[in-house]
Amino acid sequence: MAFILGKKGKMTQIWKENKVIPVTVVKVQPNAVSLIRTQERDGYRAVQLRVGRTRREFAVKTPPDLKVGDVVTTSVFKEDDVVRVSGTSKGRGFQGVVKRHGFHGGPKTHGQKNRLRAPGSIGSTAPQRVWPGRRMPGHMGMARVSIKNLRVVGVNEKEGTLLLRGAVPGAPHGLLEIRKVEK
């Protein structure tokens, strides 16, 4: 049962066994245990961690070995641990259907002047409405994203950093929830 809150740093690369490995540096400050939820009192088990004013709960299956006031650091992870990282993806604002859904757009010729990136027809005339779930222009990004099965390739307890293989969601300095995956 290992979990922690961190902030996304930069992406870089490291050399290991004559191979280049792309890594994301996650900066981790010590996390304080601010609340422990119990099955009897709350109906579920969870541990709430706090960094500054930010609090997040992590569900647990068994009663934790932690108590309120304990501090969780990067020492709960070791090299080659498999983790799941959750965060908020980068916001991209209002986008059209070409960028948001990968539509191809219309032809440049045959009488079309300014309809290249337009969605085209949005349905038949029979229902006289737009079907729910129709892919249309709209807000893109700023959604919760989880990346599974990332490997921890380095832990630096002194600096409070984790090196995770690959990319993680969000912008730099964005909050990340990191959980160890049970094998």
N, C-alpha and C. Protein backbone atom coordinates (compact mmCIF):
# COMPACT_ATOMS: atom_id res chain seq x y z
N MET A 1 0.84 -1.17 0.00
CA MET A 1 0.00 0.00 0.00
C MET A 1 0.89 1.24 0.00
N ALA A 2 1.22 1.72 -1.18
CA ALA A 2 2.07 2.90 -1.30
C ALA A 2 1.37 3.90 -2.19
N PHE A 3 1.23 5.13 -1.69
CA PHE A 3 0.63 6.20 -2.47
C PHE A 3 1.19 7.52 -1.96
N ILE A 4 1.15 8.52 -2.84
CA ILE A 4 1.72 9.81 -2.48
C ILE A 4 1.21 10.87 -3.45
N LEU A 5 1.25 12.12 -3.03
CA LEU A 5 0.93 13.26 -3.90
C LEU A 5 2.23 13.92 -4.32
N GLY A 6 2.31 14.32 -5.58
CA GLY A 6 3.50 14.99 -6.08
C GLY A 6 3.14 16.01 -7.14
N LYS A 7 4.14 16.74 -7.59
CA LYS A 7 3.95 17.73 -8.65
C LYS A 7 4.81 17.34 -9.84
N LYS A 8 4.22 17.46 -11.01
CA LYS A 8 4.93 17.11 -12.23
C LYS A 8 6.06 18.10 -12.47
N GLY A 9 7.24 17.56 -12.74
CA GLY A 9 8.39 18.38 -13.10
C GLY A 9 8.59 18.31 -14.60
N LYS A 10 9.84 18.33 -15.01
CA LYS A 10 10.14 18.30 -16.44
C LYS A 10 10.32 16.87 -16.91
N MET A 11 10.30 16.70 -18.22
CA MET A 11 10.66 15.42 -18.82
C MET A 11 12.12 15.49 -19.22
N THR A 12 12.81 14.37 -19.06
CA THR A 12 14.21 14.30 -19.42
C THR A 12 14.51 12.86 -19.83
N GLN A 13 15.77 12.54 -19.91
CA GLN A 13 16.16 11.15 -20.23
C GLN A 13 17.35 10.77 -19.39
N ILE A 14 17.44 9.45 -19.13
CA ILE A 14 18.58 8.93 -18.39
C ILE A 14 19.14 7.75 -19.15
N TRP A 15 20.40 7.45 -18.88
CA TRP A 15 21.05 6.28 -19.47
C TRP A 15 21.07 5.17 -18.44
N LYS A 16 20.64 3.98 -18.84
CA LYS A 16 20.67 2.83 -17.95
C LYS A 16 20.96 1.60 -18.80
N GLU A 17 22.04 0.91 -18.49
CA GLU A 17 22.46 -0.30 -19.23
C GLU A 17 22.56 -0.03 -20.72
N ASN A 18 23.24 1.07 -21.08
CA ASN A 18 23.47 1.47 -22.47
C ASN A 18 22.18 1.71 -23.25
N LYS A 19 21.11 2.09 -22.57
CA LYS A 19 19.86 2.44 -23.23
C LYS A 19 19.39 3.79 -22.70
N VAL A 20 18.76 4.56 -23.58
CA VAL A 20 18.18 5.84 -23.17
C VAL A 20 16.75 5.59 -22.73
N ILE A 21 16.41 6.08 -21.54
CA ILE A 21 15.06 5.89 -21.00
C ILE A 21 14.43 7.27 -20.81
N PRO A 22 13.26 7.53 -21.45
CA PRO A 22 12.58 8.80 -21.22
C PRO A 22 11.89 8.77 -19.86
N VAL A 23 12.11 9.80 -19.06
CA VAL A 23 11.53 9.83 -17.72
C VAL A 23 10.88 11.19 -17.44
N THR A 24 9.92 11.15 -16.54
CA THR A 24 9.31 12.37 -16.01
C THR A 24 9.76 12.50 -14.57
N VAL A 25 10.24 13.67 -14.21
CA VAL A 25 10.66 13.94 -12.84
C VAL A 25 9.44 14.42 -12.06
N VAL A 26 9.11 13.73 -10.97
CA VAL A 26 8.00 14.12 -10.11
C VAL A 26 8.58 14.61 -8.79
N LYS A 27 8.27 15.87 -8.45
CA LYS A 27 8.76 16.45 -7.20
C LYS A 27 7.76 16.15 -6.09
N VAL A 28 8.27 15.58 -5.00
CA VAL A 28 7.39 15.15 -3.91
C VAL A 28 7.84 15.81 -2.61
N GLN A 29 6.94 16.58 -2.02
CA GLN A 29 7.17 17.09 -0.68
C GLN A 29 6.60 16.06 0.30
N PRO A 30 7.07 16.06 1.54
CA PRO A 30 6.50 15.12 2.51
C PRO A 30 4.98 15.31 2.64
N ASN A 31 4.25 14.20 2.56
CA ASN A 31 2.79 14.22 2.67
C ASN A 31 2.39 13.88 4.09
N ALA A 32 1.54 14.68 4.69
CA ALA A 32 1.06 14.41 6.04
C ALA A 32 -0.27 13.66 5.97
N VAL A 33 -0.43 12.66 6.84
CA VAL A 33 -1.71 11.95 6.94
C VAL A 33 -2.64 12.83 7.75
N SER A 34 -3.72 13.32 7.13
CA SER A 34 -4.62 14.24 7.82
C SER A 34 -5.89 13.57 8.30
N LEU A 35 -6.25 12.41 7.76
CA LEU A 35 -7.48 11.74 8.16
C LEU A 35 -7.42 10.28 7.75
N ILE A 36 -7.98 9.42 8.59
CA ILE A 36 -8.09 8.00 8.23
C ILE A 36 -9.56 7.62 8.33
N ARG A 37 -10.11 7.16 7.22
CA ARG A 37 -11.51 6.74 7.17
C ARG A 37 -11.58 5.25 7.50
N THR A 38 -12.59 4.87 8.29
CA THR A 38 -12.74 3.47 8.69
C THR A 38 -14.07 2.93 8.18
N GLN A 39 -14.14 1.62 8.04
CA GLN A 39 -15.35 0.95 7.57
C GLN A 39 -16.51 1.18 8.53
N GLU A 40 -16.24 1.12 9.83
CA GLU A 40 -17.29 1.25 10.83
C GLU A 40 -17.88 2.66 10.86
N ARG A 41 -17.02 3.67 10.82
CA ARG A 41 -17.48 5.04 10.96
C ARG A 41 -17.97 5.63 9.64
N ASP A 42 -17.23 5.39 8.54
CA ASP A 42 -17.51 6.07 7.28
C ASP A 42 -18.11 5.17 6.20
N GLY A 43 -18.05 3.86 6.39
CA GLY A 43 -18.58 2.95 5.39
C GLY A 43 -17.57 2.53 4.33
N TYR A 44 -16.36 3.06 4.42
CA TYR A 44 -15.28 2.66 3.51
C TYR A 44 -13.96 2.99 4.18
N ARG A 45 -12.88 2.40 3.62
CA ARG A 45 -11.54 2.64 4.17
C ARG A 45 -10.76 3.53 3.22
N ALA A 46 -10.13 4.55 3.78
CA ALA A 46 -9.32 5.45 2.97
C ALA A 46 -8.35 6.19 3.87
N VAL A 47 -7.28 6.71 3.23
CA VAL A 47 -6.31 7.54 3.92
C VAL A 47 -6.27 8.86 3.18
N GLN A 48 -6.38 9.97 3.92
CA GLN A 48 -6.32 11.29 3.31
C GLN A 48 -4.94 11.88 3.55
N LEU A 49 -4.27 12.27 2.44
CA LEU A 49 -2.96 12.90 2.52
C LEU A 49 -3.11 14.39 2.26
N ARG A 50 -2.20 15.17 2.86
CA ARG A 50 -2.23 16.61 2.72
C ARG A 50 -0.84 17.12 2.38
N VAL A 51 -0.78 17.99 1.36
CA VAL A 51 0.44 18.72 1.01
C VAL A 51 0.03 20.17 0.92
N GLY A 52 0.51 20.98 1.85
CA GLY A 52 0.07 22.38 1.90
C GLY A 52 -1.41 22.41 2.23
N ARG A 53 -2.20 23.04 1.36
CA ARG A 53 -3.64 23.09 1.56
C ARG A 53 -4.38 22.06 0.73
N THR A 54 -3.64 21.27 -0.08
CA THR A 54 -4.25 20.28 -0.96
C THR A 54 -4.42 18.96 -0.23
N ARG A 55 -5.61 18.39 -0.34
CA ARG A 55 -5.91 17.10 0.30
C ARG A 55 -6.48 16.15 -0.75
N ARG A 56 -6.07 14.89 -0.67
CA ARG A 56 -6.61 13.85 -1.54
C ARG A 56 -6.75 12.56 -0.73
N GLU A 57 -7.80 11.78 -1.05
CA GLU A 57 -8.03 10.51 -0.38
C GLU A 57 -7.61 9.36 -1.28
N PHE A 58 -7.04 8.35 -0.68
CA PHE A 58 -6.65 7.13 -1.36
C PHE A 58 -7.38 5.97 -0.70
N ALA A 59 -8.19 5.25 -1.46
CA ALA A 59 -8.92 4.11 -0.93
C ALA A 59 -7.95 2.97 -0.63
N VAL A 60 -8.19 2.26 0.48
CA VAL A 60 -7.37 1.11 0.86
C VAL A 60 -8.28 -0.06 1.16
N LYS A 61 -7.78 -1.29 0.94
CA LYS A 61 -8.57 -2.49 1.20
C LYS A 61 -8.48 -2.94 2.65
N THR A 62 -7.29 -2.81 3.23
CA THR A 62 -7.08 -3.23 4.61
C THR A 62 -6.79 -2.02 5.48
N PRO A 63 -7.02 -2.13 6.78
CA PRO A 63 -6.71 -0.99 7.65
C PRO A 63 -5.24 -0.61 7.52
N PRO A 64 -4.94 0.68 7.36
CA PRO A 64 -3.56 1.10 7.12
C PRO A 64 -2.71 1.05 8.39
N ASP A 65 -1.39 0.99 8.18
CA ASP A 65 -0.43 1.02 9.29
C ASP A 65 -0.09 2.46 9.67
N LEU A 66 -0.87 3.41 9.20
CA LEU A 66 -0.59 4.82 9.43
C LEU A 66 -1.55 5.38 10.47
N LYS A 67 -1.15 6.48 11.07
CA LYS A 67 -2.06 7.21 11.96
C LYS A 67 -1.97 8.70 11.61
N VAL A 68 -2.95 9.46 12.07
CA VAL A 68 -3.00 10.88 11.76
C VAL A 68 -1.73 11.56 12.28
N GLY A 69 -1.11 12.35 11.41
CA GLY A 69 0.12 13.04 11.76
C GLY A 69 1.37 12.39 11.19
N ASP A 70 1.27 11.13 10.75
CA ASP A 70 2.42 10.48 10.12
C ASP A 70 2.78 11.20 8.82
N VAL A 71 4.03 11.05 8.41
CA VAL A 71 4.52 11.68 7.18
C VAL A 71 4.89 10.60 6.19
N VAL A 72 4.40 10.75 4.96
CA VAL A 72 4.70 9.81 3.87
C VAL A 72 5.68 10.50 2.93
N THR A 73 6.80 9.84 2.62
CA THR A 73 7.81 10.39 1.72
C THR A 73 8.04 9.44 0.56
N THR A 74 9.00 9.77 -0.29
CA THR A 74 9.29 8.93 -1.45
C THR A 74 9.85 7.57 -1.06
N SER A 75 10.17 7.36 0.21
CA SER A 75 10.73 6.08 0.65
C SER A 75 9.74 4.93 0.53
N VAL A 76 8.44 5.24 0.31
CA VAL A 76 7.46 4.16 0.16
C VAL A 76 7.58 3.48 -1.21
N PHE A 77 8.33 4.10 -2.14
CA PHE A 77 8.55 3.51 -3.46
C PHE A 77 10.00 3.08 -3.59
N LYS A 78 10.22 2.09 -4.44
CA LYS A 78 11.57 1.65 -4.76
C LYS A 78 11.66 1.45 -6.26
N GLU A 79 12.86 1.30 -6.75
CA GLU A 79 13.08 1.13 -8.17
C GLU A 79 12.35 -0.12 -8.67
N ASP A 80 11.82 -0.06 -9.87
CA ASP A 80 11.08 -1.13 -10.55
C ASP A 80 9.67 -1.35 -10.00
N ASP A 81 9.17 -0.48 -9.14
CA ASP A 81 7.76 -0.55 -8.74
C ASP A 81 6.91 -0.14 -9.94
N VAL A 82 5.73 -0.73 -10.05
CA VAL A 82 4.78 -0.36 -11.08
C VAL A 82 3.73 0.53 -10.43
N VAL A 83 3.47 1.70 -11.04
CA VAL A 83 2.55 2.67 -10.43
C VAL A 83 1.49 3.10 -11.44
N ARG A 84 0.41 3.65 -10.89
CA ARG A 84 -0.63 4.30 -11.68
C ARG A 84 -0.63 5.77 -11.30
N VAL A 85 -0.56 6.65 -12.29
CA VAL A 85 -0.47 8.09 -12.05
C VAL A 85 -1.74 8.74 -12.57
N SER A 86 -2.39 9.54 -11.71
CA SER A 86 -3.61 10.25 -12.10
C SER A 86 -3.37 11.75 -11.96
N GLY A 87 -3.92 12.50 -12.90
CA GLY A 87 -3.80 13.95 -12.86
C GLY A 87 -4.81 14.58 -13.80
N THR A 88 -4.75 15.89 -13.92
CA THR A 88 -5.64 16.64 -14.80
C THR A 88 -4.90 16.98 -16.08
N SER A 89 -5.48 16.61 -17.22
CA SER A 89 -4.82 16.86 -18.50
C SER A 89 -4.76 18.36 -18.79
N LYS A 90 -3.88 18.74 -19.71
CA LYS A 90 -3.75 20.14 -20.09
C LYS A 90 -5.05 20.64 -20.71
N GLY A 91 -5.45 21.85 -20.35
CA GLY A 91 -6.63 22.46 -20.94
C GLY A 91 -6.31 23.03 -22.30
N ARG A 92 -7.19 22.81 -23.26
CA ARG A 92 -6.96 23.31 -24.61
C ARG A 92 -8.05 24.26 -25.08
N GLY A 93 -8.97 24.61 -24.20
CA GLY A 93 -10.01 25.57 -24.54
C GLY A 93 -11.04 25.01 -25.51
N PHE A 94 -11.72 25.89 -26.19
CA PHE A 94 -12.76 25.50 -27.15
C PHE A 94 -12.09 25.11 -28.46
N GLN A 95 -12.36 23.90 -28.93
CA GLN A 95 -11.74 23.41 -30.16
C GLN A 95 -12.79 22.92 -31.14
N GLY A 96 -12.46 22.97 -32.42
CA GLY A 96 -13.36 22.47 -33.45
C GLY A 96 -13.24 20.96 -33.57
N VAL A 97 -14.03 20.40 -34.49
CA VAL A 97 -14.10 18.94 -34.61
C VAL A 97 -12.83 18.35 -35.22
N VAL A 98 -12.10 19.09 -36.01
CA VAL A 98 -10.88 18.54 -36.61
C VAL A 98 -9.85 18.26 -35.53
N LYS A 99 -9.62 19.22 -34.63
CA LYS A 99 -8.64 19.01 -33.57
C LYS A 99 -9.20 18.12 -32.45
N ARG A 100 -10.47 18.33 -32.09
CA ARG A 100 -11.03 17.63 -30.94
C ARG A 100 -11.30 16.16 -31.21
N HIS A 101 -11.82 15.83 -32.41
CA HIS A 101 -12.21 14.45 -32.70
C HIS A 101 -11.49 13.84 -33.90
N GLY A 102 -10.64 14.62 -34.57
CA GLY A 102 -9.89 14.06 -35.69
C GLY A 102 -10.68 13.97 -36.98
N PHE A 103 -11.72 14.79 -37.14
CA PHE A 103 -12.47 14.80 -38.39
C PHE A 103 -11.54 15.26 -39.51
N HIS A 104 -11.85 14.86 -40.74
CA HIS A 104 -11.01 15.21 -41.88
C HIS A 104 -11.41 16.53 -42.52
N GLY A 105 -12.64 16.99 -42.29
CA GLY A 105 -13.08 18.23 -42.91
C GLY A 105 -13.56 17.99 -44.33
N GLY A 106 -13.99 19.05 -44.98
CA GLY A 106 -14.53 18.93 -46.33
C GLY A 106 -13.48 19.19 -47.38
N PRO A 107 -13.87 19.04 -48.66
CA PRO A 107 -12.91 19.29 -49.75
C PRO A 107 -12.66 20.79 -49.92
N LYS A 108 -11.52 21.11 -50.49
CA LYS A 108 -11.18 22.51 -50.73
C LYS A 108 -11.87 23.02 -52.00
N THR A 109 -12.29 22.12 -52.85
CA THR A 109 -12.84 22.51 -54.16
C THR A 109 -14.32 22.17 -54.23
N HIS A 110 -14.86 22.16 -55.44
CA HIS A 110 -16.26 21.84 -55.73
C HIS A 110 -17.23 22.79 -55.05
N GLY A 111 -16.92 24.07 -55.14
CA GLY A 111 -17.86 25.09 -54.67
C GLY A 111 -17.78 25.40 -53.19
N GLN A 112 -16.85 24.79 -52.47
CA GLN A 112 -16.75 25.09 -51.04
C GLN A 112 -15.66 26.11 -50.81
N LYS A 113 -16.02 27.21 -50.20
CA LYS A 113 -15.05 28.27 -50.02
C LYS A 113 -14.46 28.25 -48.61
N ASN A 114 -15.28 28.23 -47.58
CA ASN A 114 -14.79 28.36 -46.21
C ASN A 114 -15.28 27.25 -45.30
N ARG A 115 -15.46 26.06 -45.83
CA ARG A 115 -16.03 24.96 -45.05
C ARG A 115 -15.02 23.84 -44.83
N LEU A 116 -13.74 24.13 -44.95
CA LEU A 116 -12.72 23.08 -44.89
C LEU A 116 -12.71 22.34 -43.55
N ARG A 117 -12.82 23.07 -42.44
CA ARG A 117 -12.72 22.44 -41.12
C ARG A 117 -14.08 22.29 -40.43
N ALA A 118 -15.15 22.39 -41.18
CA ALA A 118 -16.49 22.29 -40.63
C ALA A 118 -16.88 20.82 -40.44
N PRO A 119 -17.80 20.51 -39.51
CA PRO A 119 -18.16 19.12 -39.24
C PRO A 119 -19.02 18.49 -40.31
N GLY A 120 -19.73 19.29 -41.12
CA GLY A 120 -20.63 18.71 -42.12
C GLY A 120 -22.00 18.47 -41.51
N SER A 121 -22.74 17.55 -42.09
CA SER A 121 -24.09 17.26 -41.62
C SER A 121 -24.05 16.65 -40.23
N ILE A 122 -25.05 16.99 -39.41
CA ILE A 122 -25.06 16.43 -38.05
C ILE A 122 -26.21 15.45 -37.85
N GLY A 123 -26.88 15.04 -38.90
CA GLY A 123 -27.91 14.02 -38.74
C GLY A 123 -28.98 14.13 -39.81
N SER A 124 -29.92 13.20 -39.76
CA SER A 124 -31.01 13.18 -40.73
C SER A 124 -32.13 14.10 -40.25
N THR A 125 -33.14 14.30 -41.10
CA THR A 125 -34.25 15.17 -40.73
C THR A 125 -35.36 14.41 -40.02
N ALA A 126 -35.30 13.09 -39.98
CA ALA A 126 -36.38 12.29 -39.39
C ALA A 126 -36.55 12.52 -37.89
N PRO A 127 -35.53 12.46 -37.08
CA PRO A 127 -35.81 12.67 -35.66
C PRO A 127 -36.03 14.13 -35.29
N GLN A 128 -35.66 15.06 -36.17
CA GLN A 128 -35.78 16.50 -35.96
C GLN A 128 -35.11 16.97 -34.67
N ARG A 129 -34.01 16.36 -34.36
CA ARG A 129 -33.20 16.77 -33.20
C ARG A 129 -31.79 16.22 -33.41
N VAL A 130 -30.89 16.60 -32.56
CA VAL A 130 -29.53 16.10 -32.62
C VAL A 130 -29.42 14.94 -31.63
N TRP A 131 -28.92 13.82 -32.08
CA TRP A 131 -28.80 12.65 -31.22
C TRP A 131 -27.81 12.91 -30.08
N PRO A 132 -28.09 12.41 -28.88
CA PRO A 132 -27.14 12.57 -27.77
C PRO A 132 -25.81 11.88 -28.10
N GLY A 133 -24.73 12.51 -27.69
CA GLY A 133 -23.41 11.92 -27.92
C GLY A 133 -22.79 12.30 -29.24
N ARG A 134 -23.47 13.12 -30.03
CA ARG A 134 -22.94 13.55 -31.31
C ARG A 134 -21.63 14.31 -31.08
N ARG A 135 -20.61 13.97 -31.84
CA ARG A 135 -19.32 14.64 -31.68
C ARG A 135 -19.38 16.00 -32.34
N MET A 136 -19.18 17.02 -31.52
CA MET A 136 -19.32 18.40 -31.97
C MET A 136 -18.14 19.21 -31.44
N PRO A 137 -18.00 20.47 -31.88
CA PRO A 137 -16.98 21.32 -31.29
C PRO A 137 -17.29 21.54 -29.81
N GLY A 138 -16.25 21.85 -29.02
CA GLY A 138 -16.49 22.10 -27.60
C GLY A 138 -15.20 22.19 -26.81
N HIS A 139 -15.37 22.21 -25.49
CA HIS A 139 -14.23 22.33 -24.58
C HIS A 139 -13.41 21.05 -24.60
N MET A 140 -12.09 21.19 -24.64
CA MET A 140 -11.20 20.04 -24.74
C MET A 140 -10.16 20.11 -23.63
N GLY A 141 -9.87 19.00 -23.04
CA GLY A 141 -8.86 18.94 -21.99
C GLY A 141 -9.45 19.21 -20.62
N MET A 142 -8.57 19.46 -19.63
CA MET A 142 -8.95 19.70 -18.24
C MET A 142 -9.82 18.55 -17.70
N ALA A 143 -9.46 17.32 -18.04
CA ALA A 143 -10.19 16.14 -17.59
C ALA A 143 -9.24 15.26 -16.78
N ARG A 144 -9.78 14.46 -15.89
CA ARG A 144 -8.97 13.55 -15.09
C ARG A 144 -8.50 12.40 -15.97
N VAL A 145 -7.20 12.16 -15.95
CA VAL A 145 -6.59 11.11 -16.77
C VAL A 145 -5.72 10.25 -15.88
N SER A 146 -5.78 8.93 -16.07
CA SER A 146 -4.93 8.00 -15.33
C SER A 146 -4.07 7.23 -16.32
N ILE A 147 -2.79 7.15 -16.03
CA ILE A 147 -1.86 6.38 -16.84
C ILE A 147 -1.45 5.17 -16.00
N LYS A 148 -1.67 3.99 -16.53
CA LYS A 148 -1.39 2.77 -15.77
C LYS A 148 -0.04 2.17 -16.17
N ASN A 149 0.49 1.39 -15.27
CA ASN A 149 1.67 0.56 -15.51
C ASN A 149 2.92 1.36 -15.89
N LEU A 150 3.16 2.47 -15.21
CA LEU A 150 4.42 3.19 -15.36
C LEU A 150 5.42 2.62 -14.37
N ARG A 151 6.67 2.56 -14.75
CA ARG A 151 7.71 2.02 -13.87
C ARG A 151 8.47 3.14 -13.18
N VAL A 152 8.79 2.91 -11.93
CA VAL A 152 9.66 3.82 -11.19
C VAL A 152 11.09 3.43 -11.55
N VAL A 153 11.85 4.34 -12.16
CA VAL A 153 13.22 4.02 -12.54
C VAL A 153 14.23 4.68 -11.63
N GLY A 154 13.77 5.53 -10.71
CA GLY A 154 14.69 6.15 -9.77
C GLY A 154 13.95 6.82 -8.63
N VAL A 155 14.52 6.71 -7.44
CA VAL A 155 13.97 7.36 -6.25
C VAL A 155 15.10 8.11 -5.57
N ASN A 156 14.92 9.41 -5.35
CA ASN A 156 15.91 10.20 -4.63
C ASN A 156 15.23 10.77 -3.39
N GLU A 157 15.45 10.10 -2.25
CA GLU A 157 14.79 10.52 -1.01
C GLU A 157 15.30 11.86 -0.52
N LYS A 158 16.59 12.14 -0.73
CA LYS A 158 17.17 13.39 -0.24
C LYS A 158 16.54 14.60 -0.94
N GLU A 159 16.40 14.53 -2.27
CA GLU A 159 15.81 15.62 -3.02
C GLU A 159 14.30 15.54 -3.09
N GLY A 160 13.73 14.38 -2.76
CA GLY A 160 12.29 14.21 -2.83
C GLY A 160 11.77 14.12 -4.25
N THR A 161 12.44 13.32 -5.09
CA THR A 161 11.99 13.16 -6.47
C THR A 161 11.81 11.69 -6.81
N LEU A 162 10.87 11.46 -7.72
CA LEU A 162 10.66 10.15 -8.32
C LEU A 162 10.90 10.29 -9.81
N LEU A 163 11.55 9.31 -10.42
CA LEU A 163 11.71 9.28 -11.87
C LEU A 163 10.80 8.19 -12.40
N LEU A 164 9.80 8.59 -13.20
CA LEU A 164 8.83 7.66 -13.77
C LEU A 164 9.09 7.51 -15.26
N ARG A 165 9.11 6.28 -15.73
CA ARG A 165 9.36 6.03 -17.14
C ARG A 165 8.15 6.47 -17.96
N GLY A 166 8.38 7.36 -18.92
CA GLY A 166 7.32 7.81 -19.81
C GLY A 166 6.69 9.11 -19.36
N ALA A 167 5.58 9.43 -20.01
CA ALA A 167 4.90 10.70 -19.78
C ALA A 167 3.76 10.53 -18.79
N VAL A 168 3.47 11.58 -18.05
CA VAL A 168 2.36 11.59 -17.12
C VAL A 168 1.43 12.75 -17.50
N PRO A 169 0.16 12.71 -17.09
CA PRO A 169 -0.78 13.74 -17.52
C PRO A 169 -0.53 15.09 -16.86
N GLY A 170 -0.96 16.14 -17.56
CA GLY A 170 -0.96 17.48 -16.98
C GLY A 170 0.20 18.35 -17.41
N ALA A 171 0.10 19.59 -16.96
CA ALA A 171 1.12 20.59 -17.23
C ALA A 171 2.18 20.53 -16.15
N PRO A 172 3.35 21.11 -16.38
CA PRO A 172 4.35 21.17 -15.31
C PRO A 172 3.77 21.85 -14.07
N HIS A 173 4.16 21.37 -12.92
CA HIS A 173 3.70 21.83 -11.60
C HIS A 173 2.27 21.40 -11.30
N GLY A 174 1.70 20.53 -12.13
CA GLY A 174 0.35 20.02 -11.87
C GLY A 174 0.38 18.92 -10.82
N LEU A 175 -0.70 18.80 -10.07
CA LEU A 175 -0.79 17.82 -9.00
C LEU A 175 -0.98 16.42 -9.57
N LEU A 176 -0.24 15.45 -9.03
CA LEU A 176 -0.34 14.06 -9.45
C LEU A 176 -0.62 13.17 -8.25
N GLU A 177 -1.45 12.16 -8.45
CA GLU A 177 -1.67 11.13 -7.46
C GLU A 177 -0.96 9.88 -7.95
N ILE A 178 -0.05 9.36 -7.15
CA ILE A 178 0.76 8.21 -7.55
C ILE A 178 0.43 7.05 -6.62
N ARG A 179 -0.02 5.92 -7.20
CA ARG A 179 -0.35 4.74 -6.41
C ARG A 179 0.46 3.55 -6.91
N LYS A 180 0.96 2.76 -6.00
CA LYS A 180 1.66 1.53 -6.37
C LYS A 180 0.62 0.50 -6.77
N VAL A 181 0.87 -0.20 -7.87
CA VAL A 181 -0.03 -1.24 -8.35
C VAL A 181 0.37 -2.55 -7.70
N GLU A 182 -0.59 -3.20 -7.09
CA GLU A 182 -0.32 -4.50 -6.46
C GLU A 182 -0.19 -5.55 -7.54
N LYS A 183 0.83 -6.38 -7.41
CA LYS A 183 1.08 -7.41 -8.43
C LYS A 183 0.29 -8.65 -8.15
